[in-house]
Amino acid sequence: MSQRNEVLETVLGAFSILGINILVFILLVLFLANSHYFSNTSTAGVAFIFGISIYQFIYVVPAIIWLKRRQQWAWLKGVIIGAAITVLLTGPCFVLYASLG
């Protein structure tokens, strides 16, 4: 495999996880908008949305296992990078919100 293909596959792996995270975020917002248990401004509702870094384990861990079995190392690196970016971006946002509210 050429170096260029490996970089491209790594970027595609990262963007695929980030795209799935955006989809899950939209689904969580729609769930909260139609839920009678949480109000849109409640701390529980915000924790529900910012929990995306925890929810991603549901689809990232199986993806890592599947890519490792198929020996697609570039995609595997991209998936791990995308998951790490998500955790690093949502964690501080949740801490900031929790400390202000």
PDB file of N, CA and C in Angstrom:
ATOM      1  N   MET A   1       0.852  -1.169   0.000  1.00  0.00           N
ATOM      2  CA  MET A   1       0.000   0.000   0.000  1.00  0.00           C
ATOM      3  C   MET A   1       0.903   1.238   0.000  1.00  0.00           C
ATOM      4  N   SER A   2       0.544   2.216  -0.784  1.00  0.00           N
ATOM      5  CA  SER A   2       1.352   3.419  -0.840  1.00  0.00           C
ATOM      6  C   SER A   2       1.060   4.314   0.353  1.00  0.00           C
ATOM      7  N   GLN A   3       1.983   5.220   0.594  1.00  0.00           N
ATOM      8  CA  GLN A   3       1.850   6.152   1.725  1.00  0.00           C
ATOM      9  C   GLN A   3       0.629   7.038   1.548  1.00  0.00           C
ATOM     10  N   ARG A   4       0.355   7.421   0.312  1.00  0.00           N
ATOM     11  CA  ARG A   4      -0.776   8.299   0.048  1.00  0.00           C
ATOM     12  C   ARG A   4      -2.106   7.614   0.375  1.00  0.00           C
ATOM     13  N   ASN A   5      -2.244   6.344   0.004  1.00  0.00           N
ATOM     14  CA  ASN A   5      -3.460   5.606   0.309  1.00  0.00           C
ATOM     15  C   ASN A   5      -3.642   5.427   1.807  1.00  0.00           C
ATOM     16  N   GLU A   6      -2.542   5.225   2.522  1.00  0.00           N
ATOM     17  CA  GLU A   6      -2.630   5.045   3.966  1.00  0.00           C
ATOM     18  C   GLU A   6      -3.107   6.321   4.644  1.00  0.00           C
ATOM     19  N   VAL A   7      -2.611   7.453   4.210  1.00  0.00           N
ATOM     20  CA  VAL A   7      -3.050   8.725   4.775  1.00  0.00           C
ATOM     21  C   VAL A   7      -4.521   8.957   4.457  1.00  0.00           C
ATOM     22  N   LEU A   8      -4.911   8.677   3.232  1.00  0.00           N
ATOM     23  CA  LEU A   8      -6.305   8.851   2.839  1.00  0.00           C
ATOM     24  C   LEU A   8      -7.228   7.954   3.658  1.00  0.00           C
ATOM     25  N   GLU A   9      -6.848   6.708   3.848  1.00  0.00           N
ATOM     26  CA  GLU A   9      -7.680   5.793   4.627  1.00  0.00           C
ATOM     27  C   GLU A   9      -7.735   6.196   6.094  1.00  0.00           C
ATOM     28  N   THR A  10      -6.649   6.727   6.627  1.00  0.00           N
ATOM     29  CA  THR A  10      -6.654   7.203   8.013  1.00  0.00           C
ATOM     30  C   THR A  10      -7.612   8.379   8.167  1.00  0.00           C
ATOM     31  N   VAL A  11      -7.562   9.302   7.242  1.00  0.00           N
ATOM     32  CA  VAL A  11      -8.469  10.462   7.286  1.00  0.00           C
ATOM     33  C   VAL A  11      -9.914  10.003   7.120  1.00  0.00           C
ATOM     34  N   LEU A  12     -10.166   9.072   6.217  1.00  0.00           N
ATOM     35  CA  LEU A  12     -11.531   8.561   6.036  1.00  0.00           C
ATOM     36  C   LEU A  12     -12.034   7.844   7.284  1.00  0.00           C
ATOM     37  N   GLY A  13     -11.168   7.115   7.969  1.00  0.00           N
ATOM     38  CA  GLY A  13     -11.553   6.455   9.209  1.00  0.00           C
ATOM     39  C   GLY A  13     -11.929   7.461  10.288  1.00  0.00           C
ATOM     40  N   ALA A  14     -11.138   8.532  10.399  1.00  0.00           N
ATOM     41  CA  ALA A  14     -11.443   9.564  11.394  1.00  0.00           C
ATOM     42  C   ALA A  14     -12.752  10.276  11.064  1.00  0.00           C
ATOM     43  N   PHE A  15     -12.941  10.628   9.799  1.00  0.00           N
ATOM     44  CA  PHE A  15     -14.169  11.316   9.411  1.00  0.00           C
ATOM     45  C   PHE A  15     -15.394  10.416   9.502  1.00  0.00           C
ATOM     46  N   SER A  16     -15.212   9.120   9.312  1.00  0.00           N
ATOM     47  CA  SER A  16     -16.360   8.222   9.449  1.00  0.00           C
ATOM     48  C   SER A  16     -16.849   8.190  10.895  1.00  0.00           C
ATOM     49  N   ILE A  17     -15.937   8.145  11.848  1.00  0.00           N
ATOM     50  CA  ILE A  17     -16.337   8.170  13.259  1.00  0.00           C
ATOM     51  C   ILE A  17     -16.934   9.521  13.620  1.00  0.00           C
ATOM     52  N   LEU A  18     -16.351  10.592  13.148  1.00  0.00           N
ATOM     53  CA  LEU A  18     -16.909  11.913  13.441  1.00  0.00           C
ATOM     54  C   LEU A  18     -18.293  12.072  12.815  1.00  0.00           C
ATOM     55  N   GLY A  19     -18.494  11.517  11.626  1.00  0.00           N
ATOM     56  CA  GLY A  19     -19.814  11.556  10.998  1.00  0.00           C
ATOM     57  C   GLY A  19     -20.849  10.760  11.785  1.00  0.00           C
ATOM     58  N   ILE A  20     -20.452   9.581  12.265  1.00  0.00           N
ATOM     59  CA  ILE A  20     -21.369   8.788  13.087  1.00  0.00           C
ATOM     60  C   ILE A  20     -21.681   9.522  14.383  1.00  0.00           C
ATOM     61  N   ASN A  21     -20.670  10.196  14.957  1.00  0.00           N
ATOM     62  CA  ASN A  21     -20.909  10.966  16.178  1.00  0.00           C
ATOM     63  C   ASN A  21     -21.916  12.092  15.948  1.00  0.00           C
ATOM     64  N   ILE A  22     -21.823  12.749  14.821  1.00  0.00           N
ATOM     65  CA  ILE A  22     -22.778  13.812  14.503  1.00  0.00           C
ATOM     66  C   ILE A  22     -24.179  13.229  14.344  1.00  0.00           C
ATOM     67  N   LEU A  23     -24.284  12.091  13.689  1.00  0.00           N
ATOM     68  CA  LEU A  23     -25.576  11.428  13.533  1.00  0.00           C
ATOM     69  C   LEU A  23     -26.172  11.044  14.889  1.00  0.00           C
ATOM     70  N   VAL A  24     -25.353  10.476  15.768  1.00  0.00           N
ATOM     71  CA  VAL A  24     -25.825  10.096  17.104  1.00  0.00           C
ATOM     72  C   VAL A  24     -26.239  11.338  17.888  1.00  0.00           C
ATOM     73  N   PHE A  25     -25.478  12.429  17.773  1.00  0.00           N
ATOM     74  CA  PHE A  25     -25.827  13.676  18.451  1.00  0.00           C
ATOM     75  C   PHE A  25     -27.187  14.183  17.989  1.00  0.00           C
ATOM     76  N   ILE A  26     -27.434  14.152  16.682  1.00  0.00           N
ATOM     77  CA  ILE A  26     -28.726  14.602  16.145  1.00  0.00           C
ATOM     78  C   ILE A  26     -29.851  13.711  16.660  1.00  0.00           C
ATOM     79  N   LEU A  27     -29.622  12.405  16.692  1.00  0.00           N
ATOM     80  CA  LEU A  27     -30.646  11.490  17.216  1.00  0.00           C
ATOM     81  C   LEU A  27     -30.915  11.742  18.696  1.00  0.00           C
ATOM     82  N   LEU A  28     -29.874  12.043  19.469  1.00  0.00           N
ATOM     83  CA  LEU A  28     -30.068  12.344  20.893  1.00  0.00           C
ATOM     84  C   LEU A  28     -30.844  13.642  21.089  1.00  0.00           C
ATOM     85  N   VAL A  29     -30.547  14.645  20.273  1.00  0.00           N
ATOM     86  CA  VAL A  29     -31.292  15.912  20.369  1.00  0.00           C
ATOM     87  C   VAL A  29     -32.756  15.693  20.010  1.00  0.00           C
ATOM     88  N   LEU A  30     -33.023  14.915  18.973  1.00  0.00           N
ATOM     89  CA  LEU A  30     -34.409  14.621  18.606  1.00  0.00           C
ATOM     90  C   LEU A  30     -35.114  13.829  19.700  1.00  0.00           C
ATOM     91  N   PHE A  31     -34.400  12.898  20.337  1.00  0.00           N
ATOM     92  CA  PHE A  31     -34.980  12.143  21.443  1.00  0.00           C
ATOM     93  C   PHE A  31     -35.324  13.067  22.602  1.00  0.00           C
ATOM     94  N   LEU A  32     -34.423  13.993  22.925  1.00  0.00           N
ATOM     95  CA  LEU A  32     -34.685  14.922  24.022  1.00  0.00           C
ATOM     96  C   LEU A  32     -35.837  15.866  23.696  1.00  0.00           C
ATOM     97  N   ALA A  33     -35.947  16.260  22.447  1.00  0.00           N
ATOM     98  CA  ALA A  33     -37.027  17.169  22.060  1.00  0.00           C
ATOM     99  C   ALA A  33     -38.388  16.502  22.202  1.00  0.00           C
ATOM    100  N   ASN A  34     -38.450  15.189  22.051  1.00  0.00           N
ATOM    101  CA  ASN A  34     -39.709  14.465  22.140  1.00  0.00           C
ATOM    102  C   ASN A  34     -39.886  13.720  23.453  1.00  0.00           C
ATOM    103  N   SER A  35     -38.958  13.917  24.384  1.00  0.00           N
ATOM    104  CA  SER A  35     -39.002  13.178  25.637  1.00  0.00           C
ATOM    105  C   SER A  35     -39.765  13.951  26.701  1.00  0.00           C
ATOM    106  N   HIS A  36     -40.532  13.223  27.493  1.00  0.00           N
ATOM    107  CA  HIS A  36     -41.257  13.843  28.598  1.00  0.00           C
ATOM    108  C   HIS A  36     -40.444  13.784  29.883  1.00  0.00           C
ATOM    109  N   TYR A  37     -39.343  13.052  29.879  1.00  0.00           N
ATOM    110  CA  TYR A  37     -38.546  12.874  31.090  1.00  0.00           C
ATOM    111  C   TYR A  37     -37.507  13.970  31.285  1.00  0.00           C
ATOM    112  N   PHE A  38     -37.005  14.522  30.210  1.00  0.00           N
ATOM    113  CA  PHE A  38     -35.981  15.560  30.302  1.00  0.00           C
ATOM    114  C   PHE A  38     -36.499  16.836  29.664  1.00  0.00           C
ATOM    115  N   SER A  39     -36.170  17.966  30.281  1.00  0.00           N
ATOM    116  CA  SER A  39     -36.411  19.231  29.596  1.00  0.00           C
ATOM    117  C   SER A  39     -35.147  19.552  28.803  1.00  0.00           C
ATOM    118  N   ASN A  40     -35.266  20.381  27.800  1.00  0.00           N
ATOM    119  CA  ASN A  40     -34.133  20.657  26.924  1.00  0.00           C
ATOM    120  C   ASN A  40     -33.008  21.391  27.628  1.00  0.00           C
ATOM    121  N   THR A  41     -33.293  22.062  28.741  1.00  0.00           N
ATOM    122  CA  THR A  41     -32.259  22.832  29.424  1.00  0.00           C
ATOM    123  C   THR A  41     -31.785  22.170  30.711  1.00  0.00           C
ATOM    124  N   SER A  42     -32.278  21.009  31.010  1.00  0.00           N
ATOM    125  CA  SER A  42     -31.897  20.358  32.260  1.00  0.00           C
ATOM    126  C   SER A  42     -30.480  19.825  32.189  1.00  0.00           C
ATOM    127  N   THR A  43     -29.872  19.679  33.336  1.00  0.00           N
ATOM    128  CA  THR A  43     -28.525  19.123  33.405  1.00  0.00           C
ATOM    129  C   THR A  43     -28.507  17.686  32.914  1.00  0.00           C
ATOM    130  N   ALA A  44     -29.557  16.945  33.217  1.00  0.00           N
ATOM    131  CA  ALA A  44     -29.621  15.560  32.756  1.00  0.00           C
ATOM    132  C   ALA A  44     -29.673  15.506  31.234  1.00  0.00           C
ATOM    133  N   GLY A  45     -30.408  16.435  30.621  1.00  0.00           N
ATOM    134  CA  GLY A  45     -30.474  16.475  29.165  1.00  0.00           C
ATOM    135  C   GLY A  45     -29.138  16.799  28.538  1.00  0.00           C
ATOM    136  N   VAL A  46     -28.410  17.735  29.117  1.00  0.00           N
ATOM    137  CA  VAL A  46     -27.094  18.090  28.592  1.00  0.00           C
ATOM    138  C   VAL A  46     -26.120  16.940  28.810  1.00  0.00           C
ATOM    139  N   ALA A  47     -26.197  16.292  29.962  1.00  0.00           N
ATOM    140  CA  ALA A  47     -25.338  15.132  30.210  1.00  0.00           C
ATOM    141  C   ALA A  47     -25.653  14.018  29.221  1.00  0.00           C
ATOM    142  N   PHE A  48     -26.917  13.894  28.875  1.00  0.00           N
ATOM    143  CA  PHE A  48     -27.339  12.888  27.906  1.00  0.00           C
ATOM    144  C   PHE A  48     -26.687  13.151  26.553  1.00  0.00           C
ATOM    145  N   ILE A  49     -26.637  14.419  26.144  1.00  0.00           N
ATOM    146  CA  ILE A  49     -26.050  14.777  24.856  1.00  0.00           C
ATOM    147  C   ILE A  49     -24.529  14.694  24.911  1.00  0.00           C
ATOM    148  N   PHE A  50     -23.916  15.258  25.964  1.00  0.00           N
ATOM    149  CA  PHE A  50     -22.459  15.247  26.039  1.00  0.00           C
ATOM    150  C   PHE A  50     -21.915  13.862  26.341  1.00  0.00           C
ATOM    151  N   GLY A  51     -22.781  12.923  26.661  1.00  0.00           N
ATOM    152  CA  GLY A  51     -22.358  11.553  26.883  1.00  0.00           C
ATOM    153  C   GLY A  51     -21.970  10.851  25.599  1.00  0.00           C
ATOM    154  N   ILE A  52     -21.924  11.592  24.490  1.00  0.00           N
ATOM    155  CA  ILE A  52     -21.560  11.003  23.202  1.00  0.00           C
ATOM    156  C   ILE A  52     -20.210  10.319  23.278  1.00  0.00           C
ATOM    157  N   SER A  53     -19.322  10.858  24.106  1.00  0.00           N
ATOM    158  CA  SER A  53     -18.007  10.222  24.225  1.00  0.00           C
ATOM    159  C   SER A  53     -18.114   8.859  24.903  1.00  0.00           C
ATOM    160  N   ILE A  54     -19.153   8.651  25.689  1.00  0.00           N
ATOM    161  CA  ILE A  54     -19.390   7.341  26.294  1.00  0.00           C
ATOM    162  C   ILE A  54     -20.174   6.457  25.324  1.00  0.00           C
ATOM    163  N   TYR A  55     -21.165   7.032  24.648  1.00  0.00           N
ATOM    164  CA  TYR A  55     -21.974   6.259  23.705  1.00  0.00           C
ATOM    165  C   TYR A  55     -21.150   5.715  22.553  1.00  0.00           C
ATOM    166  N   GLN A  56     -20.085   6.418  22.194  1.00  0.00           N
ATOM    167  CA  GLN A  56     -19.320   5.981  21.034  1.00  0.00           C
ATOM    168  C   GLN A  56     -18.633   4.643  21.268  1.00  0.00           C
ATOM    169  N   PHE A  57     -18.471   4.234  22.529  1.00  0.00           N
ATOM    170  CA  PHE A  57     -17.906   2.914  22.789  1.00  0.00           C
ATOM    171  C   PHE A  57     -18.779   1.811  22.208  1.00  0.00           C
ATOM    172  N   ILE A  58     -20.091   2.076  22.076  1.00  0.00           N
ATOM    173  CA  ILE A  58     -21.009   1.072  21.535  1.00  0.00           C
ATOM    174  C   ILE A  58     -20.653   0.728  20.094  1.00  0.00           C
ATOM    175  N   TYR A  59     -20.183   1.699  19.329  1.00  0.00           N
ATOM    176  CA  TYR A  59     -19.865   1.415  17.930  1.00  0.00           C
ATOM    177  C   TYR A  59     -18.382   1.494  17.611  1.00  0.00           C
ATOM    178  N   VAL A  60     -17.570   2.108  18.452  1.00  0.00           N
ATOM    179  CA  VAL A  60     -16.140   2.209  18.160  1.00  0.00           C
ATOM    180  C   VAL A  60     -15.412   0.907  18.506  1.00  0.00           C
ATOM    181  N   VAL A  61     -15.718   0.334  19.658  1.00  0.00           N
ATOM    182  CA  VAL A  61     -15.033  -0.904  20.048  1.00  0.00           C
ATOM    183  C   VAL A  61     -15.296  -2.033  19.042  1.00  0.00           C
ATOM    184  N   PRO A  62     -16.548  -2.290  18.633  1.00  0.00           N
ATOM    185  CA  PRO A  62     -16.739  -3.318  17.599  1.00  0.00           C
ATOM    186  C   PRO A  62     -16.053  -2.967  16.270  1.00  0.00           C
ATOM    187  N   ALA A  63     -16.023  -1.679  15.918  1.00  0.00           N
ATOM    188  CA  ALA A  63     -15.342  -1.281  14.682  1.00  0.00           C
ATOM    189  C   ALA A  63     -13.847  -1.550  14.775  1.00  0.00           C
ATOM    190  N   ILE A  64     -13.265  -1.281  15.936  1.00  0.00           N
ATOM    191  CA  ILE A  64     -11.837  -1.542  16.123  1.00  0.00           C
ATOM    192  C   ILE A  64     -11.552  -3.037  16.011  1.00  0.00           C
ATOM    193  N   ILE A  65     -12.379  -3.851  16.651  1.00  0.00           N
ATOM    194  CA  ILE A  65     -12.186  -5.299  16.596  1.00  0.00           C
ATOM    195  C   ILE A  65     -12.329  -5.800  15.156  1.00  0.00           C
ATOM    196  N   TRP A  66     -13.345  -5.312  14.457  1.00  0.00           N
ATOM    197  CA  TRP A  66     -13.586  -5.736  13.078  1.00  0.00           C
ATOM    198  C   TRP A  66     -12.437  -5.322  12.156  1.00  0.00           C
ATOM    199  N   LEU A  67     -11.966  -4.072  12.294  1.00  0.00           N
ATOM    200  CA  LEU A  67     -10.865  -3.603  11.450  1.00  0.00           C
ATOM    201  C   LEU A  67      -9.560  -4.324  11.770  1.00  0.00           C
ATOM    202  N   LYS A  68      -9.363  -4.660  13.042  1.00  0.00           N
ATOM    203  CA  LYS A  68      -8.154  -5.394  13.411  1.00  0.00           C
ATOM    204  C   LYS A  68      -8.167  -6.796  12.813  1.00  0.00           C
ATOM    205  N   ARG A  69      -9.327  -7.457  12.822  1.00  0.00           N
ATOM    206  CA  ARG A  69      -9.427  -8.790  12.220  1.00  0.00           C
ATOM    207  C   ARG A  69      -9.202  -8.754  10.713  1.00  0.00           C
ATOM    208  N   ARG A  70      -9.650  -7.671  10.079  1.00  0.00           N
ATOM    209  CA  ARG A  70      -9.457  -7.529   8.632  1.00  0.00           C
ATOM    210  C   ARG A  70      -8.095  -6.956   8.277  1.00  0.00           C
ATOM    211  N   GLN A  71      -7.326  -6.595   9.290  1.00  0.00           N
ATOM    212  CA  GLN A  71      -5.986  -6.030   9.145  1.00  0.00           C
ATOM    213  C   GLN A  71      -5.976  -4.771   8.285  1.00  0.00           C
ATOM    214  N   GLN A  72      -6.938  -3.921   8.531  1.00  0.00           N
ATOM    215  CA  GLN A  72      -6.990  -2.623   7.866  1.00  0.00           C
ATOM    216  C   GLN A  72      -6.453  -1.588   8.846  1.00  0.00           C
ATOM    217  N   TRP A  73      -5.142  -1.485   8.905  1.00  0.00           N
ATOM    218  CA  TRP A  73      -4.478  -0.705   9.939  1.00  0.00           C
ATOM    219  C   TRP A  73      -4.686   0.790   9.757  1.00  0.00           C
ATOM    220  N   ALA A  74      -4.744   1.270   8.541  1.00  0.00           N
ATOM    221  CA  ALA A  74      -4.918   2.713   8.327  1.00  0.00           C
ATOM    222  C   ALA A  74      -6.309   3.160   8.792  1.00  0.00           C
ATOM    223  N   TRP A  75      -7.336   2.398   8.433  1.00  0.00           N
ATOM    224  CA  TRP A  75      -8.688   2.729   8.898  1.00  0.00           C
ATOM    225  C   TRP A  75      -8.757   2.637  10.420  1.00  0.00           C
ATOM    226  N   LEU A  76      -8.081   1.644  10.982  1.00  0.00           N
ATOM    227  CA  LEU A  76      -8.062   1.461  12.428  1.00  0.00           C
ATOM    228  C   LEU A  76      -7.453   2.674  13.120  1.00  0.00           C
ATOM    229  N   LYS A  77      -6.353   3.167  12.578  1.00  0.00           N
ATOM    230  CA  LYS A  77      -5.748   4.378  13.139  1.00  0.00           C
ATOM    231  C   LYS A  77      -6.710   5.559  13.051  1.00  0.00           C
ATOM    232  N   GLY A  78      -7.394   5.686  11.929  1.00  0.00           N
ATOM    233  CA  GLY A  78      -8.343   6.780  11.758  1.00  0.00           C
ATOM    234  C   GLY A  78      -9.512   6.700  12.723  1.00  0.00           C
ATOM    235  N   VAL A  79     -10.021   5.492  12.954  1.00  0.00           N
ATOM    236  CA  VAL A  79     -11.129   5.311  13.894  1.00  0.00           C
ATOM    237  C   VAL A  79     -10.689   5.699  15.298  1.00  0.00           C
ATOM    238  N   ILE A  80      -9.501   5.294  15.684  1.00  0.00           N
ATOM    239  CA  ILE A  80      -8.993   5.641  17.011  1.00  0.00           C
ATOM    240  C   ILE A  80      -8.772   7.145  17.127  1.00  0.00           C
ATOM    241  N   ILE A  81      -8.253   7.769  16.093  1.00  0.00           N
ATOM    242  CA  ILE A  81      -8.047   9.218  16.105  1.00  0.00           C
ATOM    243  C   ILE A  81      -9.386   9.945  16.207  1.00  0.00           C
ATOM    244  N   GLY A  82     -10.381   9.513  15.441  1.00  0.00           N
ATOM    245  CA  GLY A  82     -11.703  10.142  15.503  1.00  0.00           C
ATOM    246  C   GLY A  82     -12.350  10.000  16.873  1.00  0.00           C
ATOM    247  N   ALA A  83     -12.202   8.826  17.489  1.00  0.00           N
ATOM    248  CA  ALA A  83     -12.754   8.613  18.827  1.00  0.00           C
ATOM    249  C   ALA A  83     -12.042   9.489  19.854  1.00  0.00           C
ATOM    250  N   ALA A  84     -10.727   9.598  19.734  1.00  0.00           N
ATOM    251  CA  ALA A  84      -9.966  10.429  20.670  1.00  0.00           C
ATOM    252  C   ALA A  84     -10.334  11.899  20.523  1.00  0.00           C
ATOM    253  N   ILE A  85     -10.526  12.360  19.299  1.00  0.00           N
ATOM    254  CA  ILE A  85     -10.926  13.750  19.081  1.00  0.00           C
ATOM    255  C   ILE A  85     -12.286  14.014  19.728  1.00  0.00           C
ATOM    256  N   THR A  86     -13.199  13.080  19.595  1.00  0.00           N
ATOM    257  CA  THR A  86     -14.523  13.242  20.191  1.00  0.00           C
ATOM    258  C   THR A  86     -14.435  13.348  21.705  1.00  0.00           C
ATOM    259  N   VAL A  87     -13.665  12.466  22.318  1.00  0.00           N
ATOM    260  CA  VAL A  87     -13.526  12.504  23.782  1.00  0.00           C
ATOM    261  C   VAL A  87     -12.868  13.809  24.212  1.00  0.00           C
ATOM    262  N   LEU A  88     -11.847  14.236  23.494  1.00  0.00           N
ATOM    263  CA  LEU A  88     -11.144  15.458  23.877  1.00  0.00           C
ATOM    264  C   LEU A  88     -11.983  16.714  23.670  1.00  0.00           C
ATOM    265  N   LEU A  89     -12.922  16.692  22.744  1.00  0.00           N
ATOM    266  CA  LEU A  89     -13.764  17.873  22.517  1.00  0.00           C
ATOM    267  C   LEU A  89     -15.001  17.911  23.412  1.00  0.00           C
ATOM    268  N   THR A  90     -15.606  16.767  23.677  1.00  0.00           N
ATOM    269  CA  THR A  90     -16.829  16.782  24.478  1.00  0.00           C
ATOM    270  C   THR A  90     -16.565  16.819  25.974  1.00  0.00           C
ATOM    271  N   GLY A  91     -15.465  16.249  26.403  1.00  0.00           N
ATOM    272  CA  GLY A  91     -15.148  16.242  27.833  1.00  0.00           C
ATOM    273  C   GLY A  91     -15.051  17.637  28.436  1.00  0.00           C
ATOM    274  N   PRO A  92     -14.201  18.514  27.900  1.00  0.00           N
ATOM    275  CA  PRO A  92     -14.101  19.867  28.462  1.00  0.00           C
ATOM    276  C   PRO A  92     -15.391  20.672  28.337  1.00  0.00           C
ATOM    277  N   CYS A  93     -16.156  20.445  27.274  1.00  0.00           N
ATOM    278  CA  CYS A  93     -17.425  21.166  27.135  1.00  0.00           C
ATOM    279  C   CYS A  93     -18.384  20.784  28.258  1.00  0.00           C
ATOM    280  N   PHE A  94     -18.444  19.512  28.577  1.00  0.00           N
ATOM    281  CA  PHE A  94     -19.324  19.057  29.648  1.00  0.00           C
ATOM    282  C   PHE A  94     -18.848  19.579  30.997  1.00  0.00           C
ATOM    283  N   VAL A  95     -17.549  19.557  31.248  1.00  0.00           N
ATOM    284  CA  VAL A  95     -17.014  20.064  32.521  1.00  0.00           C
ATOM    285  C   VAL A  95     -17.296  21.547  32.645  1.00  0.00           C
ATOM    286  N   LEU A  96     -17.124  22.303  31.583  1.00  0.00           N
ATOM    287  CA  LEU A  96     -17.397  23.734  31.609  1.00  0.00           C
ATOM    288  C   LEU A  96     -18.867  23.996  31.888  1.00  0.00           C
ATOM    289  N   TYR A  97     -19.744  23.268  31.235  1.00  0.00           N
ATOM    290  CA  TYR A  97     -21.179  23.439  31.455  1.00  0.00           C
ATOM    291  C   TYR A  97     -21.564  23.073  32.890  1.00  0.00           C
ATOM    292  N   ALA A  98     -21.002  21.983  33.382  1.00  0.00           N
ATOM    293  CA  ALA A  98     -21.319  21.546  34.743  1.00  0.00           C
ATOM    294  C   ALA A  98     -20.824  22.537  35.785  1.00  0.00           C
ATOM    295  N   SER A  99     -19.685  23.182  35.542  1.00  0.00           N
ATOM    296  CA  SER A  99     -19.162  24.135  36.511  1.00  0.00           C
ATOM    297  C   SER A  99     -19.920  25.457  36.480  1.00  0.00           C
ATOM    298  N   LEU A 100     -20.503  25.822  35.348  1.00  0.00           N
ATOM    299  CA  LEU A 100     -21.264  27.068  35.247  1.00  0.00           C
ATOM    300  C   LEU A 100     -22.697  26.924  35.702  1.00  0.00           C
ATOM    301  N   GLY A 101     -23.239  25.739  35.543  1.00  0.00           N
ATOM    302  CA  GLY A 101     -24.659  25.568  35.816  1.00  0.00           C
ATOM    303  C   GLY A 101     -24.868  24.801  37.049  1.00  0.00           C
TER     304      GLY A 101
END
